[in-house]
Amino acid sequence: MKPLILPALSDAVPWRATPHAGVRWKKLFFDAVTGESTVLLSFAPGATYGAHRHPAGEQYFVLEGSLEDGGATYGKGSYVRHAPGSAHTPSSRDGCVLLVLLRQPIEGVGPQA
């Protein structure tokens, strides 16, 4: 199987709104059968992504800025892996852009779910 190579893909794909004020995303890859996806996620300064769970875990890499997650702050160049079943409510004081890899879609938790 040949690799999928799309030069400047992130520039060609539009940012989309999320239900969370100040958080936008770009879909780089999605498999409709498995739910696996790769996205860019952008947090405006002060934005929070609502509480959610990762049934199959999550991996992200901070490309710009910093993200507050689980009591820690992750700056540019940080790699974070959340185990399957983990839940969190990430936010960004100063704004950030993340590359996010998911093996399955997220599940909302709490009142907004």
PDB file of N, CA and C in Angstrom:
ATOM      1  N   MET A   1       0.846  -1.174   0.000  1.00  0.00           N
ATOM      2  CA  MET A   1       0.000   0.000   0.000  1.00  0.00           C
ATOM      3  C   MET A   1       0.892   1.237   0.000  1.00  0.00           C
ATOM      4  N   LYS A   2       0.595   2.174  -0.882  1.00  0.00           N
ATOM      5  CA  LYS A   2       1.359   3.412  -0.973  1.00  0.00           C
ATOM      6  C   LYS A   2       0.977   4.358   0.163  1.00  0.00           C
ATOM      7  N   PRO A   3       1.943   5.119   0.670  1.00  0.00           N
ATOM      8  CA  PRO A   3       1.602   6.120   1.695  1.00  0.00           C
ATOM      9  C   PRO A   3       0.792   7.256   1.075  1.00  0.00           C
ATOM     10  N   LEU A   4      -0.041   7.865   1.879  1.00  0.00           N
ATOM     11  CA  LEU A   4      -0.813   9.026   1.446  1.00  0.00           C
ATOM     12  C   LEU A   4       0.028  10.264   1.720  1.00  0.00           C
ATOM     13  N   ILE A   5       0.417  10.958   0.661  1.00  0.00           N
ATOM     14  CA  ILE A   5       1.241  12.157   0.800  1.00  0.00           C
ATOM     15  C   ILE A   5       0.489  13.309   0.156  1.00  0.00           C
ATOM     16  N   LEU A   6       0.157  14.306   0.958  1.00  0.00           N
ATOM     17  CA  LEU A   6      -0.580  15.462   0.471  1.00  0.00           C
ATOM     18  C   LEU A   6       0.170  16.725   0.864  1.00  0.00           C
ATOM     19  N   PRO A   7       1.002  17.274  -0.033  1.00  0.00           N
ATOM     20  CA  PRO A   7       1.763  18.474   0.297  1.00  0.00           C
ATOM     21  C   PRO A   7       0.843  19.631   0.690  1.00  0.00           C
ATOM     22  N   ALA A   8       1.250  20.351   1.704  1.00  0.00           N
ATOM     23  CA  ALA A   8       0.543  21.545   2.170  1.00  0.00           C
ATOM     24  C   ALA A   8      -0.923  21.270   2.490  1.00  0.00           C
ATOM     25  N   LEU A   9      -1.241  20.048   2.883  1.00  0.00           N
ATOM     26  CA  LEU A   9      -2.623  19.691   3.184  1.00  0.00           C
ATOM     27  C   LEU A   9      -3.228  20.596   4.236  1.00  0.00           C
ATOM     28  N   SER A  10      -2.479  20.880   5.288  1.00  0.00           N
ATOM     29  CA  SER A  10      -3.066  21.686   6.360  1.00  0.00           C
ATOM     30  C   SER A  10      -3.449  23.079   5.885  1.00  0.00           C
ATOM     31  N   ASP A  11      -2.753  23.611   4.889  1.00  0.00           N
ATOM     32  CA  ASP A  11      -3.123  24.926   4.352  1.00  0.00           C
ATOM     33  C   ASP A  11      -4.394  24.849   3.505  1.00  0.00           C
ATOM     34  N   ALA A  12      -4.626  23.718   2.841  1.00  0.00           N
ATOM     35  CA  ALA A  12      -5.772  23.561   1.951  1.00  0.00           C
ATOM     36  C   ALA A  12      -7.063  23.224   2.704  1.00  0.00           C
ATOM     37  N   VAL A  13      -6.946  22.671   3.891  1.00  0.00           N
ATOM     38  CA  VAL A  13      -8.118  22.254   4.657  1.00  0.00           C
ATOM     39  C   VAL A  13      -8.586  23.412   5.537  1.00  0.00           C
ATOM     40  N   PRO A  14      -9.880  23.752   5.486  1.00  0.00           N
ATOM     41  CA  PRO A  14     -10.367  24.880   6.296  1.00  0.00           C
ATOM     42  C   PRO A  14     -10.484  24.517   7.777  1.00  0.00           C
ATOM     43  N   TRP A  15     -10.329  25.517   8.624  1.00  0.00           N
ATOM     44  CA  TRP A  15     -10.601  25.337  10.049  1.00  0.00           C
ATOM     45  C   TRP A  15     -12.107  25.211  10.227  1.00  0.00           C
ATOM     46  N   ARG A  16     -12.527  24.342  11.145  1.00  0.00           N
ATOM     47  CA  ARG A  16     -13.943  24.146  11.460  1.00  0.00           C
ATOM     48  C   ARG A  16     -14.165  24.481  12.927  1.00  0.00           C
ATOM     49  N   ALA A  17     -15.346  25.009  13.216  1.00  0.00           N
ATOM     50  CA  ALA A  17     -15.705  25.318  14.608  1.00  0.00           C
ATOM     51  C   ALA A  17     -15.997  24.020  15.366  1.00  0.00           C
ATOM     52  N   THR A  18     -15.791  24.058  16.671  1.00  0.00           N
ATOM     53  CA  THR A  18     -16.221  22.968  17.562  1.00  0.00           C
ATOM     54  C   THR A  18     -17.331  23.540  18.446  1.00  0.00           C
ATOM     55  N   PRO A  19     -17.985  22.707  19.241  1.00  0.00           N
ATOM     56  CA  PRO A  19     -18.978  23.239  20.177  1.00  0.00           C
ATOM     57  C   PRO A  19     -18.355  24.044  21.326  1.00  0.00           C
ATOM     58  N   HIS A  20     -17.025  24.105  21.380  1.00  0.00           N
ATOM     59  CA  HIS A  20     -16.310  24.754  22.476  1.00  0.00           C
ATOM     60  C   HIS A  20     -15.727  26.078  21.987  1.00  0.00           C
ATOM     61  N   ALA A  21     -16.164  27.178  22.581  1.00  0.00           N
ATOM     62  CA  ALA A  21     -15.743  28.521  22.152  1.00  0.00           C
ATOM     63  C   ALA A  21     -14.223  28.631  22.113  1.00  0.00           C
ATOM     64  N   GLY A  22     -13.716  29.123  20.987  1.00  0.00           N
ATOM     65  CA  GLY A  22     -12.277  29.349  20.855  1.00  0.00           C
ATOM     66  C   GLY A  22     -11.476  28.130  20.451  1.00  0.00           C
ATOM     67  N   VAL A  23     -12.141  27.004  20.197  1.00  0.00           N
ATOM     68  CA  VAL A  23     -11.430  25.791  19.776  1.00  0.00           C
ATOM     69  C   VAL A  23     -11.897  25.430  18.366  1.00  0.00           C
ATOM     70  N   ARG A  24     -10.920  25.297  17.448  1.00  0.00           N
ATOM     71  CA  ARG A  24     -11.204  24.934  16.060  1.00  0.00           C
ATOM     72  C   ARG A  24     -10.411  23.690  15.696  1.00  0.00           C
ATOM     73  N   TRP A  25     -10.809  23.037  14.605  1.00  0.00           N
ATOM     74  CA  TRP A  25     -10.097  21.831  14.180  1.00  0.00           C
ATOM     75  C   TRP A  25     -10.055  21.716  12.663  1.00  0.00           C
ATOM     76  N   LYS A  26      -9.047  20.944  12.181  1.00  0.00           N
ATOM     77  CA  LYS A  26      -8.899  20.600  10.767  1.00  0.00           C
ATOM     78  C   LYS A  26      -8.740  19.089  10.677  1.00  0.00           C
ATOM     79  N   LYS A  27      -9.564  18.463   9.864  1.00  0.00           N
ATOM     80  CA  LYS A  27      -9.471  17.016   9.667  1.00  0.00           C
ATOM     81  C   LYS A  27      -8.403  16.719   8.621  1.00  0.00           C
ATOM     82  N   LEU A  28      -7.337  16.028   9.029  1.00  0.00           N
ATOM     83  CA  LEU A  28      -6.289  15.636   8.100  1.00  0.00           C
ATOM     84  C   LEU A  28      -6.505  14.225   7.585  1.00  0.00           C
ATOM     85  N   PHE A  29      -7.100  13.362   8.446  1.00  0.00           N
ATOM     86  CA  PHE A  29      -7.352  11.967   8.073  1.00  0.00           C
ATOM     87  C   PHE A  29      -8.522  11.455   8.896  1.00  0.00           C
ATOM     88  N   PHE A  30      -9.387  10.642   8.263  1.00  0.00           N
ATOM     89  CA  PHE A  30     -10.473   9.984   8.988  1.00  0.00           C
ATOM     90  C   PHE A  30     -10.799   8.675   8.293  1.00  0.00           C
ATOM     91  N   ASP A  31     -10.894   7.593   9.068  1.00  0.00           N
ATOM     92  CA  ASP A  31     -11.295   6.289   8.570  1.00  0.00           C
ATOM     93  C   ASP A  31     -12.704   6.020   9.084  1.00  0.00           C
ATOM     94  N   ALA A  32     -13.674   6.034   8.197  1.00  0.00           N
ATOM     95  CA  ALA A  32     -15.073   5.878   8.590  1.00  0.00           C
ATOM     96  C   ALA A  32     -15.369   4.495   9.172  1.00  0.00           C
ATOM     97  N   VAL A  33     -14.562   3.499   8.862  1.00  0.00           N
ATOM     98  CA  VAL A  33     -14.790   2.150   9.374  1.00  0.00           C
ATOM     99  C   VAL A  33     -14.325   2.032  10.824  1.00  0.00           C
ATOM    100  N   THR A  34     -13.128   2.513  11.121  1.00  0.00           N
ATOM    101  CA  THR A  34     -12.559   2.350  12.463  1.00  0.00           C
ATOM    102  C   THR A  34     -12.777   3.559  13.364  1.00  0.00           C
ATOM    103  N   GLY A  35     -13.008   4.725  12.752  1.00  0.00           N
ATOM    104  CA  GLY A  35     -13.111   5.963  13.528  1.00  0.00           C
ATOM    105  C   GLY A  35     -11.771   6.604  13.810  1.00  0.00           C
ATOM    106  N   GLU A  36     -10.686   6.006  13.293  1.00  0.00           N
ATOM    107  CA  GLU A  36      -9.351   6.571  13.493  1.00  0.00           C
ATOM    108  C   GLU A  36      -9.270   7.927  12.797  1.00  0.00           C
ATOM    109  N   SER A  37      -8.603   8.887  13.446  1.00  0.00           N
ATOM    110  CA  SER A  37      -8.477  10.204  12.837  1.00  0.00           C
ATOM    111  C   SER A  37      -7.181  10.887  13.253  1.00  0.00           C
ATOM    112  N   THR A  38      -6.781  11.825  12.414  1.00  0.00           N
ATOM    113  CA  THR A  38      -5.668  12.719  12.702  1.00  0.00           C
ATOM    114  C   THR A  38      -6.183  14.124  12.426  1.00  0.00           C
ATOM    115  N   VAL A  39      -6.051  15.009  13.418  1.00  0.00           N
ATOM    116  CA  VAL A  39      -6.575  16.369  13.274  1.00  0.00           C
ATOM    117  C   VAL A  39      -5.580  17.387  13.821  1.00  0.00           C
ATOM    118  N   LEU A  40      -5.708  18.617  13.332  1.00  0.00           N
ATOM    119  CA  LEU A  40      -5.057  19.749  13.970  1.00  0.00           C
ATOM    120  C   LEU A  40      -6.114  20.399  14.841  1.00  0.00           C
ATOM    121  N   LEU A  41      -5.764  20.747  16.047  1.00  0.00           N
ATOM    122  CA  LEU A  41      -6.678  21.389  16.989  1.00  0.00           C
ATOM    123  C   LEU A  41      -6.052  22.710  17.409  1.00  0.00           C
ATOM    124  N   SER A  42      -6.817  23.797  17.308  1.00  0.00           N
ATOM    125  CA  SER A  42      -6.328  25.131  17.643  1.00  0.00           C
ATOM    126  C   SER A  42      -7.141  25.698  18.802  1.00  0.00           C
ATOM    127  N   PHE A  43      -6.448  26.122  19.851  1.00  0.00           N
ATOM    128  CA  PHE A  43      -7.065  26.766  21.006  1.00  0.00           C
ATOM    129  C   PHE A  43      -6.715  28.246  20.975  1.00  0.00           C
ATOM    130  N   ALA A  44      -7.718  29.122  21.005  1.00  0.00           N
ATOM    131  CA  ALA A  44      -7.470  30.544  21.184  1.00  0.00           C
ATOM    132  C   ALA A  44      -7.048  30.770  22.636  1.00  0.00           C
ATOM    133  N   PRO A  45      -6.378  31.867  22.945  1.00  0.00           N
ATOM    134  CA  PRO A  45      -6.024  32.135  24.344  1.00  0.00           C
ATOM    135  C   PRO A  45      -7.271  32.083  25.247  1.00  0.00           C
ATOM    136  N   GLY A  46      -7.165  31.331  26.339  1.00  0.00           N
ATOM    137  CA  GLY A  46      -8.249  31.205  27.307  1.00  0.00           C
ATOM    138  C   GLY A  46      -9.288  30.152  26.980  1.00  0.00           C
ATOM    139  N   ALA A  47      -9.160  29.448  25.860  1.00  0.00           N
ATOM    140  CA  ALA A  47     -10.160  28.458  25.447  1.00  0.00           C
ATOM    141  C   ALA A  47     -10.011  27.148  26.217  1.00  0.00           C
ATOM    142  N   THR A  48     -11.150  26.464  26.404  1.00  0.00           N
ATOM    143  CA  THR A  48     -11.207  25.155  27.060  1.00  0.00           C
ATOM    144  C   THR A  48     -12.021  24.202  26.208  1.00  0.00           C
ATOM    145  N   TYR A  49     -11.539  22.989  26.051  1.00  0.00           N
ATOM    146  CA  TYR A  49     -12.299  21.939  25.373  1.00  0.00           C
ATOM    147  C   TYR A  49     -13.027  21.173  26.466  1.00  0.00           C
ATOM    148  N   GLY A  50     -14.327  20.999  26.319  1.00  0.00           N
ATOM    149  CA  GLY A  50     -15.138  20.356  27.361  1.00  0.00           C
ATOM    150  C   GLY A  50     -14.660  18.953  27.717  1.00  0.00           C
ATOM    151  N   ALA A  51     -15.089  18.505  28.888  1.00  0.00           N
ATOM    152  CA  ALA A  51     -14.690  17.186  29.393  1.00  0.00           C
ATOM    153  C   ALA A  51     -15.067  16.099  28.382  1.00  0.00           C
ATOM    154  N   HIS A  52     -14.118  15.211  28.127  1.00  0.00           N
ATOM    155  CA  HIS A  52     -14.360  14.111  27.200  1.00  0.00           C
ATOM    156  C   HIS A  52     -13.467  12.926  27.536  1.00  0.00           C
ATOM    157  N   ARG A  53     -13.858  11.772  26.999  1.00  0.00           N
ATOM    158  CA  ARG A  53     -13.162  10.502  27.250  1.00  0.00           C
ATOM    159  C   ARG A  53     -12.610   9.986  25.918  1.00  0.00           C
ATOM    160  N   HIS A  54     -11.510   9.251  26.038  1.00  0.00           N
ATOM    161  CA  HIS A  54     -10.872   8.629  24.881  1.00  0.00           C
ATOM    162  C   HIS A  54     -10.953   7.112  25.018  1.00  0.00           C
ATOM    163  N   PRO A  55     -11.958   6.474  24.388  1.00  0.00           N
ATOM    164  CA  PRO A  55     -12.123   5.024  24.536  1.00  0.00           C
ATOM    165  C   PRO A  55     -10.875   4.232  24.131  1.00  0.00           C
ATOM    166  N   ALA A  56     -10.171   4.690  23.093  1.00  0.00           N
ATOM    167  CA  ALA A  56      -8.978   3.979  22.626  1.00  0.00           C
ATOM    168  C   ALA A  56      -7.706   4.791  22.842  1.00  0.00           C
ATOM    169  N   GLY A  57      -7.765   5.796  23.700  1.00  0.00           N
ATOM    170  CA  GLY A  57      -6.590   6.611  23.988  1.00  0.00           C
ATOM    171  C   GLY A  57      -6.443   7.777  23.022  1.00  0.00           C
ATOM    172  N   GLU A  58      -5.423   8.585  23.283  1.00  0.00           N
ATOM    173  CA  GLU A  58      -5.145   9.772  22.476  1.00  0.00           C
ATOM    174  C   GLU A  58      -3.654  10.050  22.533  1.00  0.00           C
ATOM    175  N   GLN A  59      -3.133  10.574  21.434  1.00  0.00           N
ATOM    176  CA  GLN A  59      -1.771  11.075  21.400  1.00  0.00           C
ATOM    177  C   GLN A  59      -1.820  12.465  20.803  1.00  0.00           C
ATOM    178  N   TYR A  60      -1.057  13.387  21.374  1.00  0.00           N
ATOM    179  CA  TYR A  60      -0.953  14.691  20.741  1.00  0.00           C
ATOM    180  C   TYR A  60       0.444  15.255  20.883  1.00  0.00           C
ATOM    181  N   PHE A  61       0.764  16.150  19.944  1.00  0.00           N
ATOM    182  CA  PHE A  61       2.050  16.818  19.894  1.00  0.00           C
ATOM    183  C   PHE A  61       1.765  18.307  19.802  1.00  0.00           C
ATOM    184  N   VAL A  62       2.358  19.096  20.689  1.00  0.00           N
ATOM    185  CA  VAL A  62       2.130  20.540  20.713  1.00  0.00           C
ATOM    186  C   VAL A  62       3.030  21.190  19.664  1.00  0.00           C
ATOM    187  N   LEU A  63       2.391  21.779  18.639  1.00  0.00           N
ATOM    188  CA  LEU A  63       3.127  22.425  17.549  1.00  0.00           C
ATOM    189  C   LEU A  63       3.452  23.881  17.856  1.00  0.00           C
ATOM    190  N   GLU A  64       2.517  24.568  18.536  1.00  0.00           N
ATOM    191  CA  GLU A  64       2.681  25.985  18.880  1.00  0.00           C
ATOM    192  C   GLU A  64       2.038  26.233  20.232  1.00  0.00           C
ATOM    193  N   GLY A  65       2.553  27.186  20.983  1.00  0.00           N
ATOM    194  CA  GLY A  65       1.940  27.606  22.240  1.00  0.00           C
ATOM    195  C   GLY A  65       2.070  26.561  23.339  1.00  0.00           C
ATOM    196  N   SER A  66       1.068  26.542  24.246  1.00  0.00           N
ATOM    197  CA  SER A  66       1.093  25.576  25.353  1.00  0.00           C
ATOM    198  C   SER A  66      -0.330  25.184  25.730  1.00  0.00           C
ATOM    199  N   LEU A  67      -0.456  23.965  26.255  1.00  0.00           N
ATOM    200  CA  LEU A  67      -1.741  23.395  26.652  1.00  0.00           C
ATOM    201  C   LEU A  67      -1.680  22.990  28.113  1.00  0.00           C
ATOM    202  N   GLU A  68      -2.720  23.340  28.869  1.00  0.00           N
ATOM    203  CA  GLU A  68      -2.852  22.884  30.258  1.00  0.00           C
ATOM    204  C   GLU A  68      -3.737  21.638  30.232  1.00  0.00           C
ATOM    205  N   ASP A  69      -3.258  20.573  30.836  1.00  0.00           N
ATOM    206  CA  ASP A  69      -3.960  19.297  30.764  1.00  0.00           C
ATOM    207  C   ASP A  69      -3.603  18.454  31.984  1.00  0.00           C
ATOM    208  N   GLY A  70      -4.611  18.092  32.764  1.00  0.00           N
ATOM    209  CA  GLY A  70      -4.372  17.212  33.911  1.00  0.00           C
ATOM    210  C   GLY A  70      -3.435  17.780  34.947  1.00  0.00           C
ATOM    211  N   GLY A  71      -3.439  19.099  35.140  1.00  0.00           N
ATOM    212  CA  GLY A  71      -2.593  19.716  36.146  1.00  0.00           C
ATOM    213  C   GLY A  71      -1.184  20.040  35.685  1.00  0.00           C
ATOM    214  N   ALA A  72      -0.874  19.751  34.427  1.00  0.00           N
ATOM    215  CA  ALA A  72       0.456  20.047  33.884  1.00  0.00           C
ATOM    216  C   ALA A  72       0.313  20.987  32.688  1.00  0.00           C
ATOM    217  N   THR A  73       1.406  21.667  32.354  1.00  0.00           N
ATOM    218  CA  THR A  73       1.442  22.531  31.179  1.00  0.00           C
ATOM    219  C   THR A  73       2.432  21.933  30.200  1.00  0.00           C
ATOM    220  N   TYR A  74       1.982  21.779  28.949  1.00  0.00           N
ATOM    221  CA  TYR A  74       2.811  21.198  27.904  1.00  0.00           C
ATOM    222  C   TYR A  74       3.077  22.249  26.837  1.00  0.00           C
ATOM    223  N   GLY A  75       4.340  22.582  26.641  1.00  0.00           N
ATOM    224  CA  GLY A  75       4.730  23.598  25.673  1.00  0.00           C
ATOM    225  C   GLY A  75       5.093  23.012  24.331  1.00  0.00           C
ATOM    226  N   LYS A  76       5.463  23.910  23.420  1.00  0.00           N
ATOM    227  CA  LYS A  76       5.853  23.531  22.069  1.00  0.00           C
ATOM    228  C   LYS A  76       6.868  22.394  22.111  1.00  0.00           C
ATOM    229  N   GLY A  77       6.608  21.368  21.301  1.00  0.00           N
ATOM    230  CA  GLY A  77       7.502  20.215  21.240  1.00  0.00           C
ATOM    231  C   GLY A  77       7.133  19.096  22.192  1.00  0.00           C
ATOM    232  N   SER A  78       6.121  19.286  23.029  1.00  0.00           N
ATOM    233  CA  SER A  78       5.708  18.244  23.977  1.00  0.00           C
ATOM    234  C   SER A  78       4.866  17.180  23.286  1.00  0.00           C
ATOM    235  N   TYR A  79       5.119  15.927  23.660  1.00  0.00           N
ATOM    236  CA  TYR A  79       4.320  14.786  23.208  1.00  0.00           C
ATOM    237  C   TYR A  79       3.591  14.247  24.420  1.00  0.00           C
ATOM    238  N   VAL A  80       2.271  14.024  24.280  1.00  0.00           N
ATOM    239  CA  VAL A  80       1.464  13.513  25.386  1.00  0.00           C
ATOM    240  C   VAL A  80       0.660  12.323  24.884  1.00  0.00           C
ATOM    241  N   ARG A  81       0.623  11.261  25.680  1.00  0.00           N
ATOM    242  CA  ARG A  81      -0.180  10.080  25.367  1.00  0.00           C
ATOM    243  C   ARG A  81      -1.127   9.821  26.525  1.00  0.00           C
ATOM    244  N   HIS A  82      -2.430   9.767  26.214  1.00  0.00           N
ATOM    245  CA  HIS A  82      -3.437   9.412  27.207  1.00  0.00           C
ATOM    246  C   HIS A  82      -3.859   7.964  26.962  1.00  0.00           C
ATOM    247  N   ALA A  83      -3.933   7.176  28.018  1.00  0.00           N
ATOM    248  CA  ALA A  83      -4.274   5.761  27.927  1.00  0.00           C
ATOM    249  C   ALA A  83      -5.734   5.576  27.517  1.00  0.00           C
ATOM    250  N   PRO A  84      -6.068   4.417  26.950  1.00  0.00           N
ATOM    251  CA  PRO A  84      -7.461   4.120  26.637  1.00  0.00           C
ATOM    252  C   PRO A  84      -8.348   4.280  27.878  1.00  0.00           C
ATOM    253  N   GLY A  85      -9.511   4.912  27.675  1.00  0.00           N
ATOM    254  CA  GLY A  85     -10.458   5.136  28.761  1.00  0.00           C
ATOM    255  C   GLY A  85     -10.225   6.402  29.550  1.00  0.00           C
ATOM    256  N   SER A  86      -9.142   7.109  29.273  1.00  0.00           N
ATOM    257  CA  SER A  86      -8.827   8.327  30.025  1.00  0.00           C
ATOM    258  C   SER A  86      -9.808   9.444  29.674  1.00  0.00           C
ATOM    259  N   ALA A  87      -9.990  10.366  30.619  1.00  0.00           N
ATOM    260  CA  ALA A  87     -10.859  11.532  30.417  1.00  0.00           C
ATOM    261  C   ALA A  87     -10.107  12.773  30.879  1.00  0.00           C
ATOM    262  N   HIS A  88     -10.414  13.916  30.246  1.00  0.00           N
ATOM    263  CA  HIS A  88      -9.751  15.163  30.622  1.00  0.00           C
ATOM    264  C   HIS A  88     -10.517  16.363  30.077  1.00  0.00           C
ATOM    265  N   THR A  89     -10.093  17.552  30.509  1.00  0.00           N
ATOM    266  CA  THR A  89     -10.679  18.825  30.083  1.00  0.00           C
ATOM    267  C   THR A  89      -9.529  19.791  29.798  1.00  0.00           C
ATOM    268  N   PRO A  90      -8.913  19.679  28.612  1.00  0.00           N
ATOM    269  CA  PRO A  90      -7.750  20.527  28.316  1.00  0.00           C
ATOM    270  C   PRO A  90      -8.131  21.983  28.061  1.00  0.00           C
ATOM    271  N   SER A  91      -7.179  22.873  28.324  1.00  0.00           N
ATOM    272  CA  SER A  91      -7.382  24.304  28.083  1.00  0.00           C
ATOM    273  C   SER A  91      -6.037  24.927  27.720  1.00  0.00           C
ATOM    274  N   SER A  92      -6.104  26.166  27.239  1.00  0.00           N
ATOM    275  CA  SER A  92      -4.876  26.864  26.896  1.00  0.00           C
ATOM    276  C   SER A  92      -4.961  28.316  27.333  1.00  0.00           C
ATOM    277  N   ARG A  93      -4.109  28.700  28.236  1.00  0.00           N
ATOM    278  CA  ARG A  93      -4.074  30.075  28.720  1.00  0.00           C
ATOM    279  C   ARG A  93      -3.635  31.034  27.615  1.00  0.00           C
ATOM    280  N   ASP A  94      -2.611  30.655  26.865  1.00  0.00           N
ATOM    281  CA  ASP A  94      -2.020  31.548  25.873  1.00  0.00           C
ATOM    282  C   ASP A  94      -2.330  31.177  24.422  1.00  0.00           C
ATOM    283  N   GLY A  95      -3.045  30.082  24.205  1.00  0.00           N
ATOM    284  CA  GLY A  95      -3.344  29.595  22.859  1.00  0.00           C
ATOM    285  C   GLY A  95      -2.348  28.534  22.430  1.00  0.00           C
ATOM    286  N   CYS A  96      -2.776  27.645  21.519  1.00  0.00           N
ATOM    287  CA  CYS A  96      -1.879  26.589  21.040  1.00  0.00           C
ATOM    288  C   CYS A  96      -2.460  25.921  19.798  1.00  0.00           C
ATOM    289  N   VAL A  97      -1.605  25.150  19.131  1.00  0.00           N
ATOM    290  CA  VAL A  97      -1.999  24.286  18.029  1.00  0.00           C
ATOM    291  C   VAL A  97      -1.413  22.914  18.318  1.00  0.00           C
ATOM    292  N   LEU A  98      -2.266  21.876  18.190  1.00  0.00           N
ATOM    293  CA  LEU A  98      -1.860  20.498  18.470  1.00  0.00           C
ATOM    294  C   LEU A  98      -2.079  19.626  17.244  1.00  0.00           C
ATOM    295  N   LEU A  99      -1.247  18.626  17.076  1.00  0.00           N
ATOM    296  CA  LEU A  99      -1.491  17.537  16.148  1.00  0.00           C
ATOM    297  C   LEU A  99      -2.021  16.392  17.007  1.00  0.00           C
ATOM    298  N   VAL A 100      -3.251  15.934  16.738  1.00  0.00           N
ATOM    299  CA  VAL A 100      -3.918  14.941  17.580  1.00  0.00           C
ATOM    300  C   VAL A 100      -4.168  13.669  16.779  1.00  0.00           C
ATOM    301  N   LEU A 101      -3.831  12.514  17.372  1.00  0.00           N
ATOM    302  CA  LEU A 101      -4.082  11.222  16.753  1.00  0.00           C
ATOM    303  C   LEU A 101      -5.018  10.423  17.659  1.00  0.00           C
ATOM    304  N   LEU A 102      -6.119   9.962  17.072  1.00  0.00           N
ATOM    305  CA  LEU A 102      -7.127   9.194  17.813  1.00  0.00           C
ATOM    306  C   LEU A 102      -7.392   7.885  17.084  1.00  0.00           C
ATOM    307  N   ARG A 103      -7.482   6.797  17.829  1.00  0.00           N
ATOM    308  CA  ARG A 103      -7.808   5.507  17.218  1.00  0.00           C
ATOM    309  C   ARG A 103      -9.314   5.306  17.112  1.00  0.00           C
ATOM    310  N   GLN A 104     -10.078   6.029  17.944  1.00  0.00           N
ATOM    311  CA  GLN A 104     -11.544   6.017  17.912  1.00  0.00           C
ATOM    312  C   GLN A 104     -12.028   7.418  18.274  1.00  0.00           C
ATOM    313  N   PRO A 105     -13.267   7.765  17.891  1.00  0.00           N
ATOM    314  CA  PRO A 105     -13.801   9.070  18.261  1.00  0.00           C
ATOM    315  C   PRO A 105     -13.901   9.247  19.772  1.00  0.00           C
ATOM    316  N   ILE A 106     -13.886  10.505  20.196  1.00  0.00           N
ATOM    317  CA  ILE A 106     -14.027  10.825  21.627  1.00  0.00           C
ATOM    318  C   ILE A 106     -15.483  10.689  22.044  1.00  0.00           C
ATOM    319  N   GLU A 107     -15.703  10.631  23.356  1.00  0.00           N
ATOM    320  CA  GLU A 107     -17.035  10.600  23.939  1.00  0.00           C
ATOM    321  C   GLU A 107     -17.128  11.749  24.932  1.00  0.00           C
ATOM    322  N   GLY A 108     -18.163  12.576  24.832  1.00  0.00           N
ATOM    323  CA  GLY A 108     -18.364  13.645  25.794  1.00  0.00           C
ATOM    324  C   GLY A 108     -18.748  13.068  27.156  1.00  0.00           C
ATOM    325  N   VAL A 109     -18.353  13.761  28.210  1.00  0.00           N
ATOM    326  CA  VAL A 109     -18.745  13.369  29.577  1.00  0.00           C
ATOM    327  C   VAL A 109     -19.297  14.592  30.280  1.00  0.00           C
ATOM    328  N   GLY A 110     -20.150  14.403  31.240  1.00  0.00           N
ATOM    329  CA  GLY A 110     -20.698  15.532  31.981  1.00  0.00           C
ATOM    330  C   GLY A 110     -21.951  16.089  31.329  1.00  0.00           C
ATOM    331  N   PRO A 111     -22.367  17.267  31.750  1.00  0.00           N
ATOM    332  CA  PRO A 111     -23.630  17.864  31.319  1.00  0.00           C
ATOM    333  C   PRO A 111     -23.751  18.119  29.815  1.00  0.00           C
ATOM    334  N   GLN A 112     -22.609  18.417  29.126  1.00  0.00           N
ATOM    335  CA  GLN A 112     -22.693  18.734  27.715  1.00  0.00           C
ATOM    336  C   GLN A 112     -22.724  17.493  26.839  1.00  0.00           C
ATOM    337  N   ALA A 113     -22.523  16.294  27.410  1.00  0.00           N
ATOM    338  CA  ALA A 113     -22.429  15.061  26.622  1.00  0.00           C
ATOM    339  C   ALA A 113     -23.717  14.713  25.916  1.00  0.00           C
TER     340      ALA A 113
END
